[in-house]
Amino acid sequence: MKKIANHIVLWIASIVVLMSCDSLNLAPEDYFGSGNFWKNEAQVNGALIGLHADLRRSYFMFYHLGEIRGGTQRVGSSSLNTSLHYANERSNLFDKDRTGIRNWYGLYDNLFQVNHFIDQVENKCTFLSDESRKNLLAQAYGFRALYYFMLYKTYGGVPIVTETEILNGKATAEKFYVERATPQATMEFIKKDILKSEEYYAGKTVSNNYPKMMWSKAATLMLKAEIYLWAAKVSIQGYTATGTDDLKVAKTALNEVVGKFELLKDFGSIFSTSNRNNKELIFTLHFADREATNNASSFLYQQALFVGQVYGRNGKKIENDTLNLKGTGGVFRSEYTYDFWKTYDAADQRRDATFLEYYGDSLLTTSKFGCVMKKGVGSINENNNRVYDADVIIYRYADVLLMMAEVSNGLGEPCADYINQVRKRAYGKHYEEHSYKESDFATNELAILHERDKEFVWEGKRWFDVVRMHDASKNSLAFSASANYPAGSPLISASEKHKLLWPLDIGTMNINPLLKQTPGYE
């Protein structure tokens, strides 16, 4: 794994050196499009590591696009009186002038690299064996499906670009003007790509013995299940959910993964930097000291505002650096709410493995409640400094079980066993009193959502989950007060269905005259 991590460092360095010129400037000719590269298998494997590095650089998209809008976090000021970020996104305040993000989140830069890789490996690189070519393309098509699926869940129909025009002759501005495909066409393209990834993995078995930082057949199957689950359930303007047929496809994909991984007994150990590549993990983005770190410090306390200033659950003032942050806590920019935190039972080990709670007075007044999220606390390096090098988890086995619960519920099949496998780990010896009993569709669906909420804090699931999952009338739970924290009003009203998607920023639209605004934001 260390060798792979070192390759990532070298690849990032090469990208900076070799591709720092503007992407539309063909002087000098791009190194990777010339005869200087793609000469042997080592170079191709290096390019594959580069695709993984690109995804790691975009790691924040999973949280930003998939969780921030989910209503589990504070807006305005934190419990330590710091200013919190992303107020509009967390409040679901969007219009054509408040777009939250711009330029497709920069994902077309990543897609350019994936497209170029596919073109070279699929059509050239004749020195590759058939087995090597298939393994490389299985991963590349998985990446492309992932990026377009993230774009689809965020925007609906998007421009579909598969060529690397800049490397295929003289470039003109018009070559880069691509209109948004319809949502229907975009979803069909994503399905085609993930099926191609799966086809290239034909004959490979799913195992639990590989570097989890690398794309795998299990990752392809997880993404396939997620794509088909979304296609089955989420209707937007220009696309109608398919229902049962695609739910069955999702179930088949998940069945290939069920039983191949396992739930760790200790929930907190899933995220420990001393337990990377553990048996629960399916696909992760690797971080390491002196290589790349993440933004977990923005979820943690500043020592001067915390030590000697707040009280623990025992009513006593906290006089120590509880999490041993060593003064590295960032400006506290992201905090989860009391209304969300209090839904955890004290017997649920996930609560204290995920959060450190504190209060503004010794009476533990709930209006003065605060918490920091500690899943990404990282490690202490050889210089005795705190570094935020926890891996970002994209898929793990608990997700398999809860997706199976959702698929089974959608097909009218029993789902309680899948929920209870997750609860057994969460509650341990207290499980019996917290086991879930089979119920009607809507009750099951809400139970699955709430289980996912508690399980996947900071893992980029909550907003996408609440959009995808249904009430009794098969409407999105984004419109349901019962899915919010507190359960008083919905995240968005049914009259604002367009807000299931994000608006496109004016800068991006001005660059490409063929682009049209996301429906509802015109």
Protein backbone atom coordinates (compact mmCIF):
# COMPACT_ATOMS: atom_id res chain seq x y z
CA MET A 1 0.00 0.00 0.00
CA LYS A 2 2.89 2.35 0.81
CA LYS A 3 4.32 1.70 -2.66
CA ILE A 4 0.97 2.62 -4.23
CA ALA A 5 0.81 5.77 -2.12
CA ASN A 6 4.30 6.78 -3.29
CA HIS A 7 3.23 6.28 -6.91
CA ILE A 8 0.35 8.70 -6.28
CA VAL A 9 2.81 11.36 -5.09
CA LEU A 10 4.98 10.92 -8.20
CA TRP A 11 1.95 11.03 -10.50
CA ILE A 12 0.63 14.23 -8.94
CA ALA A 13 4.06 15.79 -9.39
CA SER A 14 4.13 14.78 -13.06
CA ILE A 15 0.67 16.25 -13.64
CA VAL A 16 1.80 19.59 -12.19
CA VAL A 17 4.93 19.67 -14.35
CA LEU A 18 3.54 18.31 -17.58
CA MET A 19 0.01 19.69 -17.72
CA SER A 20 0.25 23.09 -16.06
CA CYS A 21 -0.42 24.93 -19.31
CA ASP A 22 -3.95 25.92 -20.15
CA SER A 23 -5.95 22.98 -21.47
CA LEU A 24 -6.75 24.84 -24.69
CA ASN A 25 -3.17 25.82 -25.39
CA LEU A 26 -1.60 23.32 -27.80
CA ALA A 27 1.88 24.85 -27.62
CA PRO A 28 3.73 22.86 -26.47
CA GLU A 29 1.91 19.68 -27.49
CA ASP A 30 0.50 17.83 -24.49
CA TYR A 31 3.02 15.26 -23.24
CA PHE A 32 0.51 12.49 -22.64
CA GLY A 33 -1.02 12.93 -26.08
CA SER A 34 2.33 12.75 -27.85
CA GLY A 35 4.68 9.91 -28.64
CA ASN A 36 6.46 10.38 -25.32
CA PHE A 37 4.03 8.39 -23.22
CA TRP A 38 1.92 5.24 -23.35
CA LYS A 39 4.97 3.23 -24.41
CA ASN A 40 4.89 0.39 -21.88
CA GLU A 41 2.74 -1.20 -19.20
CA ALA A 42 4.51 0.60 -16.36
CA GLN A 43 3.46 3.94 -17.83
CA VAL A 44 -0.12 2.76 -18.24
CA ASN A 45 -0.21 1.56 -14.64
CA GLY A 46 1.15 4.94 -13.61
CA ALA A 47 -1.68 6.60 -15.51
CA LEU A 48 -4.16 4.40 -13.65
CA ILE A 49 -2.69 5.53 -10.33
CA GLY A 50 -3.17 9.05 -11.67
CA LEU A 51 -6.90 8.43 -12.12
CA HIS A 52 -7.08 7.36 -8.48
CA ALA A 53 -5.16 10.50 -7.48
CA ASP A 54 -7.63 12.66 -9.44
CA LEU A 55 -10.52 11.13 -7.53
CA ARG A 56 -8.76 11.70 -4.23
CA ARG A 57 -8.27 15.38 -5.07
CA SER A 58 -12.05 15.54 -5.59
CA TYR A 59 -12.84 13.74 -2.32
CA PHE A 60 -14.84 16.65 -0.86
CA MET A 61 -17.54 16.23 -3.52
CA PHE A 62 -18.94 13.19 -1.72
CA TYR A 63 -19.65 15.20 1.42
CA HIS A 64 -20.47 18.49 -0.32
CA LEU A 65 -22.87 17.07 -2.90
CA GLY A 66 -24.11 14.07 -0.93
CA GLU A 67 -24.54 15.24 2.65
CA ILE A 68 -24.47 19.00 3.29
CA ARG A 69 -28.08 19.54 2.18
CA GLY A 70 -29.42 16.78 4.44
CA GLY A 71 -30.52 18.90 7.42
CA THR A 72 -28.31 17.28 10.07
CA GLN A 73 -25.95 20.24 10.54
CA ARG A 74 -26.08 23.65 12.15
CA VAL A 75 -26.34 26.87 10.16
CA GLY A 76 -24.92 30.25 11.12
CA SER A 77 -22.71 29.99 14.19
CA SER A 78 -21.24 26.96 15.92
CA SER A 79 -21.57 26.12 19.60
CA LEU A 80 -18.10 27.70 20.00
CA ASN A 81 -19.27 30.87 18.21
CA THR A 82 -17.28 30.33 15.05
CA SER A 83 -18.86 31.10 11.70
CA LEU A 84 -20.11 28.00 9.91
CA HIS A 85 -19.72 27.51 6.16
CA TYR A 86 -22.20 26.56 3.42
CA ALA A 87 -25.22 28.33 4.91
CA ASN A 88 -27.16 28.36 1.63
CA GLU A 89 -26.52 24.71 0.87
CA ARG A 90 -27.37 23.62 4.42
CA SER A 91 -30.57 25.68 4.25
CA ASN A 92 -31.41 24.54 0.70
CA LEU A 93 -31.48 28.13 -0.49
CA PHE A 94 -30.86 27.91 -4.22
CA ASP A 95 -31.68 30.02 -7.25
CA LYS A 96 -29.87 31.01 -10.43
CA ASP A 97 -27.72 33.44 -8.44
CA ARG A 98 -27.12 31.15 -5.45
CA THR A 99 -25.81 27.98 -7.05
CA GLY A 100 -23.58 26.67 -4.27
CA ILE A 101 -21.02 25.25 -6.68
CA ARG A 102 -19.69 26.13 -10.11
CA ASN A 103 -18.19 24.60 -13.23
CA TRP A 104 -19.72 21.15 -12.73
CA TYR A 105 -17.61 20.82 -9.56
CA GLY A 106 -14.54 20.59 -11.81
CA LEU A 107 -15.34 17.00 -12.72
CA TYR A 108 -14.87 17.41 -16.45
CA ASP A 109 -11.14 17.89 -15.79
CA ASN A 110 -11.13 14.43 -14.23
CA LEU A 111 -13.27 13.06 -17.04
CA PHE A 112 -10.78 14.35 -19.59
CA GLN A 113 -8.11 12.16 -18.01
CA VAL A 114 -10.42 9.13 -17.83
CA ASN A 115 -11.47 9.55 -21.46
CA HIS A 116 -7.87 9.81 -22.58
CA PHE A 117 -6.96 6.70 -20.59
CA ILE A 118 -9.83 4.72 -22.12
CA ASP A 119 -8.91 5.85 -25.64
CA GLN A 120 -5.28 4.83 -25.23
CA VAL A 121 -5.86 1.51 -23.50
CA GLU A 122 -8.87 0.41 -25.54
CA ASN A 123 -7.59 1.41 -28.98
CA LYS A 124 -3.82 1.59 -28.71
CA CYS A 125 -1.21 0.26 -26.26
CA THR A 126 -0.85 -2.95 -28.26
CA PHE A 127 1.84 -4.19 -25.87
CA LEU A 128 -0.80 -4.94 -23.21
CA SER A 129 -2.00 -8.48 -22.66
CA ASP A 130 -5.72 -9.08 -22.97
CA GLU A 131 -5.98 -9.69 -19.22
CA SER A 132 -4.16 -6.47 -18.34
CA ARG A 133 -6.21 -4.43 -20.80
CA LYS A 134 -9.48 -5.72 -19.36
CA ASN A 135 -8.41 -5.04 -15.78
CA LEU A 136 -7.35 -1.49 -16.64
CA LEU A 137 -10.52 -0.71 -18.58
CA ALA A 138 -12.77 -2.20 -15.90
CA GLN A 139 -11.42 0.40 -13.51
CA ALA A 140 -11.49 3.29 -15.97
CA TYR A 141 -15.11 2.68 -16.97
CA GLY A 142 -15.96 2.43 -13.27
CA PHE A 143 -14.44 5.86 -12.69
CA ARG A 144 -16.28 7.39 -15.63
CA ALA A 145 -19.60 5.95 -14.47
CA LEU A 146 -18.92 7.30 -10.97
CA TYR A 147 -18.21 10.84 -12.15
CA TYR A 148 -21.21 10.99 -14.46
CA PHE A 149 -23.43 9.49 -11.76
CA MET A 150 -22.33 12.19 -9.31
CA LEU A 151 -23.12 14.80 -11.96
CA TYR A 152 -26.48 13.18 -12.71
CA LYS A 153 -27.55 13.10 -9.05
CA THR A 154 -26.56 16.76 -8.78
CA TYR A 155 -27.77 18.24 -12.08
CA GLY A 156 -29.86 15.66 -13.93
CA GLY A 157 -28.97 15.80 -17.61
CA VAL A 158 -25.39 16.91 -18.27
CA PRO A 159 -23.06 17.22 -21.27
CA ILE A 160 -21.77 13.78 -22.22
CA VAL A 161 -18.17 14.01 -23.34
CA THR A 162 -16.22 10.89 -24.25
CA GLU A 163 -13.59 12.23 -26.65
CA THR A 164 -10.32 13.99 -25.90
CA GLU A 165 -10.63 16.60 -28.62
CA ILE A 166 -7.65 18.61 -27.47
CA LEU A 167 -5.39 15.67 -28.31
CA ASN A 168 -7.08 14.81 -31.59
CA GLY A 169 -5.96 17.62 -33.83
CA LYS A 170 -6.39 21.38 -33.85
CA ALA A 171 -8.76 22.55 -31.15
CA THR A 172 -11.34 25.28 -31.62
CA ALA A 173 -13.68 26.73 -29.05
CA GLU A 174 -16.68 25.27 -30.85
CA LYS A 175 -15.37 21.75 -30.25
CA PHE A 176 -15.90 22.27 -26.56
CA TYR A 177 -19.50 23.49 -26.82
CA VAL A 178 -21.57 20.49 -25.80
CA GLU A 179 -25.20 20.81 -24.79
CA ARG A 180 -26.75 19.02 -21.84
CA ALA A 181 -28.04 15.58 -22.71
CA THR A 182 -31.52 14.74 -21.48
CA PRO A 183 -31.74 13.06 -18.07
CA GLN A 184 -32.95 9.91 -19.84
CA ALA A 185 -29.95 9.86 -22.17
CA THR A 186 -27.56 10.63 -19.32
CA MET A 187 -28.85 7.76 -17.21
CA GLU A 188 -28.66 5.39 -20.17
CA PHE A 189 -25.05 6.41 -20.75
CA ILE A 190 -24.15 5.83 -17.08
CA LYS A 191 -25.73 2.38 -17.13
CA LYS A 192 -23.83 1.53 -20.30
CA ASP A 193 -20.53 2.53 -18.71
CA ILE A 194 -21.03 0.60 -15.48
CA LEU A 195 -22.10 -2.48 -17.43
CA LYS A 196 -18.95 -2.15 -19.52
CA SER A 197 -16.88 -2.04 -16.33
CA GLU A 198 -18.63 -5.17 -15.12
CA GLU A 199 -18.10 -6.90 -18.47
CA TYR A 200 -14.37 -6.23 -18.32
CA TYR A 201 -14.35 -7.86 -14.88
CA ALA A 202 -16.00 -11.02 -16.27
CA GLY A 203 -14.42 -14.12 -14.78
CA LYS A 204 -13.08 -12.24 -11.76
CA THR A 205 -14.41 -13.17 -8.34
CA VAL A 206 -15.21 -10.73 -5.55
CA SER A 207 -12.73 -11.11 -2.71
CA ASN A 208 -11.79 -9.22 0.46
CA ASN A 209 -8.07 -9.41 -0.18
CA TYR A 210 -6.94 -6.40 -2.19
CA PRO A 211 -5.78 -2.80 -1.57
CA LYS A 212 -9.06 -1.03 -0.76
CA MET A 213 -7.65 2.23 -2.12
CA MET A 214 -7.82 0.72 -5.62
CA TRP A 215 -10.97 0.30 -7.69
CA SER A 216 -12.18 -3.31 -7.77
CA LYS A 217 -14.96 -5.54 -9.03
CA ALA A 218 -16.69 -5.07 -5.68
CA ALA A 219 -16.58 -1.29 -6.19
CA THR A 220 -18.10 -1.70 -9.65
CA LEU A 221 -20.91 -3.84 -8.24
CA MET A 222 -21.60 -1.33 -5.47
CA LEU A 223 -21.77 1.52 -7.95
CA LYS A 224 -23.97 -0.55 -10.26
CA ALA A 225 -26.37 -1.26 -7.40
CA GLU A 226 -26.46 2.42 -6.46
CA ILE A 227 -27.08 3.52 -10.05
CA TYR A 228 -29.92 1.07 -10.61
CA LEU A 229 -31.44 1.82 -7.20
CA TRP A 230 -31.49 5.51 -8.10
CA ALA A 231 -32.87 4.81 -11.56
CA ALA A 232 -35.62 2.69 -10.04
CA LYS A 233 -36.78 5.29 -7.53
CA VAL A 234 -35.95 8.89 -8.50
CA SER A 235 -38.10 10.72 -11.04
CA ILE A 236 -37.10 14.17 -12.26
CA GLN A 237 -38.20 16.28 -15.21
CA GLY A 238 -37.04 14.29 -18.22
CA TYR A 239 -36.72 10.94 -16.46
CA THR A 240 -39.32 8.61 -14.96
CA ALA A 241 -38.26 6.10 -12.32
CA THR A 242 -38.29 2.53 -13.64
CA GLY A 243 -39.35 0.70 -10.48
CA THR A 244 -39.20 -3.08 -10.08
CA ASP A 245 -37.01 -4.02 -13.05
CA ASP A 246 -34.07 -1.88 -11.97
CA LEU A 247 -34.53 -2.81 -8.31
CA LYS A 248 -33.99 -6.42 -9.35
CA VAL A 249 -30.78 -5.48 -11.17
CA ALA A 250 -29.55 -3.67 -8.05
CA LYS A 251 -30.35 -6.72 -5.92
CA THR A 252 -28.43 -9.04 -8.24
CA ALA A 253 -25.37 -6.78 -8.03
CA LEU A 254 -25.54 -6.60 -4.23
CA ASN A 255 -25.95 -10.36 -3.93
CA GLU A 256 -22.48 -10.76 -5.44
CA VAL A 257 -21.03 -8.71 -2.57
CA VAL A 258 -23.13 -10.01 0.35
CA GLY A 259 -21.07 -12.27 2.59
CA LYS A 260 -17.74 -11.30 0.99
CA PHE A 261 -17.01 -8.56 3.52
CA GLU A 262 -17.87 -8.20 7.21
CA LEU A 263 -18.90 -5.72 9.88
CA LEU A 264 -16.15 -4.92 12.37
CA LYS A 265 -17.23 -5.40 15.97
CA ASP A 266 -15.76 -2.05 17.05
CA PHE A 267 -17.42 0.71 15.01
CA GLY A 268 -14.69 3.25 15.70
CA SER A 269 -11.99 0.93 14.39
CA ILE A 270 -13.42 1.18 10.86
CA PHE A 271 -11.98 4.70 10.60
CA SER A 272 -8.70 4.17 12.46
CA THR A 273 -5.53 4.93 10.53
CA SER A 274 -3.97 1.90 12.22
CA ASN A 275 -6.67 -0.31 10.69
CA ARG A 276 -6.63 0.69 7.04
CA ASN A 277 -7.71 -1.93 4.53
CA ASN A 278 -9.88 -3.63 7.15
CA LYS A 279 -12.46 -6.30 6.35
CA GLU A 280 -15.44 -3.92 6.27
CA LEU A 281 -14.01 -1.62 3.62
CA ILE A 282 -14.76 -1.97 -0.09
CA PHE A 283 -13.36 1.22 -1.63
CA THR A 284 -11.56 4.13 0.01
CA LEU A 285 -9.57 7.22 -0.92
CA HIS A 286 -6.15 6.97 0.70
CA PHE A 287 -4.62 9.83 2.70
CA ALA A 288 -1.21 9.89 4.35
CA ASP A 289 1.12 12.23 6.21
CA ARG A 290 3.40 14.23 3.87
CA GLU A 291 1.32 13.04 0.92
CA ALA A 292 -2.26 14.27 1.22
CA THR A 293 -4.56 15.12 4.12
CA ASN A 294 -8.26 15.92 4.30
CA ASN A 295 -10.38 18.69 5.82
CA ALA A 296 -11.53 16.82 8.95
CA SER A 297 -10.01 19.55 11.14
CA SER A 298 -12.91 21.84 10.18
CA PHE A 299 -15.24 19.51 12.13
CA LEU A 300 -13.13 19.76 15.30
CA TYR A 301 -12.66 22.24 18.11
CA GLN A 302 -10.10 25.01 18.36
CA GLN A 303 -8.23 24.38 21.59
CA ALA A 304 -8.47 27.98 22.87
CA LEU A 305 -12.26 27.93 22.52
CA PHE A 306 -12.68 24.46 24.01
CA VAL A 307 -10.25 23.63 26.82
CA GLY A 308 -11.35 25.30 30.04
CA GLN A 309 -14.39 26.77 28.29
CA VAL A 310 -16.95 23.96 28.01
CA TYR A 311 -18.31 21.09 30.11
CA GLY A 312 -18.38 17.35 29.56
CA ARG A 313 -21.41 15.11 30.06
CA ASN A 314 -20.34 14.63 33.70
CA GLY A 315 -20.99 18.33 34.33
CA LYS A 316 -17.31 19.10 34.91
CA LYS A 317 -15.30 21.63 32.96
CA ILE A 318 -13.08 20.06 30.32
CA GLU A 319 -9.50 20.97 31.21
CA ASN A 320 -7.63 18.84 28.69
CA ASP A 321 -7.25 18.52 24.93
CA THR A 322 -9.67 15.58 24.92
CA LEU A 323 -8.94 14.34 21.40
CA ASN A 324 -5.23 15.17 21.55
CA LEU A 325 -5.51 17.54 18.61
CA LYS A 326 -2.31 19.32 19.65
CA GLY A 327 -3.64 22.69 18.56
CA THR A 328 -4.39 21.53 15.01
CA GLY A 329 -8.17 21.85 15.12
CA GLY A 330 -9.17 24.10 12.26
CA VAL A 331 -11.59 26.99 12.41
CA PHE A 332 -14.72 25.07 13.46
CA ARG A 333 -16.79 25.28 10.25
CA SER A 334 -19.07 22.23 10.33
CA GLU A 335 -21.14 21.03 13.29
CA TYR A 336 -23.99 18.56 13.62
CA THR A 337 -27.17 19.53 15.46
CA TYR A 338 -28.52 18.49 18.81
CA ASP A 339 -31.76 17.39 17.13
CA PHE A 340 -29.80 14.88 15.09
CA TRP A 341 -27.41 13.80 17.86
CA LYS A 342 -30.21 13.08 20.32
CA THR A 343 -31.73 10.43 18.01
CA TYR A 344 -28.84 8.13 18.96
CA ASP A 345 -29.55 5.88 21.92
CA ALA A 346 -26.89 5.91 24.65
CA ALA A 347 -26.41 2.18 24.06
CA ASP A 348 -25.58 2.76 20.38
CA GLN A 349 -21.78 2.64 20.12
CA ARG A 350 -21.92 4.73 16.95
CA ARG A 351 -22.83 7.86 18.93
CA ASP A 352 -19.64 8.15 20.95
CA ALA A 353 -17.47 6.74 18.16
CA THR A 354 -18.77 9.50 15.87
CA PHE A 355 -19.20 12.50 18.19
CA LEU A 356 -17.66 14.14 21.23
CA GLU A 357 -20.40 16.08 22.99
CA TYR A 358 -20.00 19.05 25.35
CA TYR A 359 -22.09 21.82 26.88
CA GLY A 360 -21.82 25.50 27.65
CA ASP A 361 -22.66 25.06 31.32
CA SER A 362 -22.44 22.51 34.11
CA LEU A 363 -26.21 21.96 34.02
CA LEU A 364 -25.86 20.37 30.57
CA THR A 365 -28.46 22.73 29.13
CA THR A 366 -29.45 21.37 25.74
CA SER A 367 -29.64 24.85 24.22
CA LYS A 368 -25.91 25.06 24.96
CA PHE A 369 -25.11 21.66 23.46
CA GLY A 370 -22.22 21.25 21.09
CA CYS A 371 -20.43 18.36 19.39
CA VAL A 372 -17.46 17.67 17.20
CA MET A 373 -17.34 14.89 14.63
CA LYS A 374 -14.31 12.68 15.21
CA LYS A 375 -14.41 10.01 12.50
CA GLY A 376 -11.66 11.82 10.61
CA VAL A 377 -9.40 12.64 13.56
CA GLY A 378 -6.46 10.96 11.84
CA SER A 379 -3.22 10.08 13.60
CA ILE A 380 -0.12 11.30 15.44
CA ASN A 381 2.90 11.24 13.16
CA GLU A 382 6.54 10.48 13.91
CA ASN A 383 7.11 14.12 14.88
CA ASN A 384 4.33 13.88 17.48
CA ASN A 385 2.02 16.11 15.44
CA ARG A 386 -1.66 15.50 14.71
CA VAL A 387 -2.28 14.90 11.00
CA TYR A 388 -5.65 14.47 9.30
CA ASP A 389 -4.86 11.42 7.23
CA ALA A 390 -7.92 9.24 7.79
CA ASP A 391 -9.00 7.57 4.56
CA VAL A 392 -12.26 8.79 3.04
CA ILE A 393 -14.59 5.82 2.72
CA ILE A 394 -16.69 5.53 -0.42
CA TYR A 395 -18.15 2.05 0.08
CA ARG A 396 -18.17 -0.35 3.05
CA TYR A 397 -20.12 -3.43 4.01
CA ALA A 398 -22.76 -1.69 6.15
CA ASP A 399 -23.79 0.09 2.95
CA VAL A 400 -24.29 -3.27 1.23
CA LEU A 401 -26.64 -4.44 3.98
CA LEU A 402 -28.69 -1.25 4.16
CA MET A 403 -28.95 -1.01 0.38
CA MET A 404 -30.18 -4.60 0.39
CA ALA A 405 -32.75 -3.60 3.00
CA GLU A 406 -33.93 -0.75 0.77
CA VAL A 407 -34.06 -2.89 -2.37
CA SER A 408 -35.93 -5.67 -0.55
CA ASN A 409 -38.41 -3.18 0.87
CA GLY A 410 -39.01 -1.77 -2.60
CA LEU A 411 -39.67 -5.26 -3.94
CA GLY A 412 -42.12 -6.04 -1.13
CA GLU A 413 -39.73 -8.53 0.46
CA PRO A 414 -38.64 -8.77 4.12
CA CYS A 415 -35.93 -6.27 5.01
CA ALA A 416 -35.62 -6.40 8.81
CA ASP A 417 -32.76 -8.90 8.84
CA TYR A 418 -30.49 -6.54 6.89
CA ILE A 419 -31.31 -3.67 9.25
CA ASN A 420 -30.73 -5.88 12.26
CA GLN A 421 -27.30 -7.03 11.10
CA VAL A 422 -26.24 -3.39 11.33
CA ARG A 423 -28.03 -2.86 14.64
CA LYS A 424 -26.40 -5.92 16.20
CA ARG A 425 -23.01 -4.32 15.70
CA ALA A 426 -24.27 -0.93 16.89
CA TYR A 427 -25.93 -2.09 20.11
CA GLY A 428 -23.91 -5.16 21.05
CA LYS A 429 -25.29 -6.74 24.21
CA HIS A 430 -28.23 -4.31 24.13
CA TYR A 431 -29.30 -5.43 20.66
CA GLU A 432 -32.41 -7.41 21.64
CA GLU A 433 -34.19 -4.36 23.00
CA HIS A 434 -33.33 -2.40 19.85
CA SER A 435 -33.97 -5.01 17.17
CA TYR A 436 -36.18 -3.95 14.29
CA LYS A 437 -39.50 -5.66 13.57
CA GLU A 438 -40.83 -5.94 10.02
CA SER A 439 -43.49 -3.32 9.21
CA ASP A 440 -45.22 -1.64 6.25
CA PHE A 441 -43.31 -0.08 3.35
CA ALA A 442 -43.24 3.51 4.63
CA THR A 443 -42.24 2.55 8.18
CA ASN A 444 -39.49 0.27 6.87
CA GLU A 445 -38.23 2.95 4.50
CA LEU A 446 -37.97 5.55 7.24
CA ALA A 447 -36.25 3.07 9.54
CA ILE A 448 -33.68 2.30 6.84
CA LEU A 449 -33.08 6.01 6.27
CA HIS A 450 -32.57 6.70 9.97
CA GLU A 451 -30.22 3.73 10.25
CA ARG A 452 -28.18 5.08 7.36
CA ASP A 453 -28.17 8.53 8.95
CA LYS A 454 -26.58 7.18 12.12
CA GLU A 455 -24.19 4.89 10.30
CA PHE A 456 -22.79 7.18 7.60
CA VAL A 457 -22.13 10.58 9.20
CA TRP A 458 -19.45 12.43 7.13
CA GLU A 459 -19.54 9.69 4.49
CA GLY A 460 -21.56 11.63 1.93
CA LYS A 461 -24.85 9.71 2.02
CA ARG A 462 -27.59 11.66 3.82
CA TRP A 463 -28.81 14.08 1.10
CA PHE A 464 -28.73 11.51 -1.67
CA ASP A 465 -30.52 9.04 0.62
CA VAL A 466 -33.33 11.41 1.50
CA VAL A 467 -33.82 12.32 -2.17
CA ARG A 468 -33.92 8.67 -3.26
CA MET A 469 -36.08 7.16 -0.51
CA HIS A 470 -39.88 7.23 -0.47
CA ASP A 471 -42.88 7.87 1.72
CA ALA A 472 -46.08 5.80 1.51
CA SER A 473 -47.13 7.69 -1.63
CA LYS A 474 -43.76 6.97 -3.28
CA ASN A 475 -42.75 10.63 -3.07
CA SER A 476 -39.21 11.61 -2.11
CA LEU A 477 -38.54 11.85 1.62
CA ALA A 478 -36.94 15.22 0.89
CA PHE A 479 -40.56 16.46 0.95
CA SER A 480 -41.43 14.63 4.19
CA ALA A 481 -41.22 16.26 7.61
CA SER A 482 -40.77 12.85 9.23
CA ALA A 483 -37.38 12.52 7.54
CA ASN A 484 -36.03 15.79 8.92
CA TYR A 485 -34.32 16.71 12.20
CA PRO A 486 -36.46 17.78 13.97
CA ALA A 487 -39.50 16.25 12.28
CA GLY A 488 -41.38 19.53 11.98
CA SER A 489 -40.99 20.58 8.37
CA PRO A 490 -39.49 18.99 5.25
CA LEU A 491 -36.07 19.81 3.85
CA ILE A 492 -37.77 21.24 0.77
CA SER A 493 -41.44 21.69 -0.04
CA ALA A 494 -43.23 19.64 -2.68
CA SER A 495 -43.78 22.88 -4.62
CA GLU A 496 -40.01 23.17 -5.03
CA LYS A 497 -39.29 19.82 -6.63
CA HIS A 498 -36.70 21.42 -8.86
CA LYS A 499 -34.51 21.78 -5.77
CA LEU A 500 -33.83 18.06 -5.80
CA LEU A 501 -31.19 19.20 -8.31
CA TRP A 502 -28.70 22.08 -8.24
CA PRO A 503 -28.74 25.16 -10.50
CA LEU A 504 -25.97 25.80 -13.00
CA ASP A 505 -23.80 28.86 -12.34
CA ILE A 506 -23.90 31.77 -14.76
CA GLY A 507 -20.15 31.65 -15.38
CA THR A 508 -20.34 28.13 -16.76
CA MET A 509 -23.35 29.03 -18.89
CA ASN A 510 -21.60 32.09 -20.30
CA ILE A 511 -18.63 30.00 -21.42
CA ASN A 512 -20.82 27.54 -23.32
CA PRO A 513 -23.74 29.14 -25.22
CA LEU A 514 -25.38 25.73 -25.75
CA LEU A 515 -26.03 25.18 -22.05
CA LYS A 516 -29.49 25.63 -20.59
CA GLN A 517 -30.31 26.17 -16.93
CA THR A 518 -31.52 23.29 -14.76
CA PRO A 519 -35.34 23.21 -15.11
CA GLY A 520 -37.04 25.31 -12.43
CA TYR A 521 -34.14 27.72 -11.99
CA GLU A 522 -34.61 29.69 -15.22
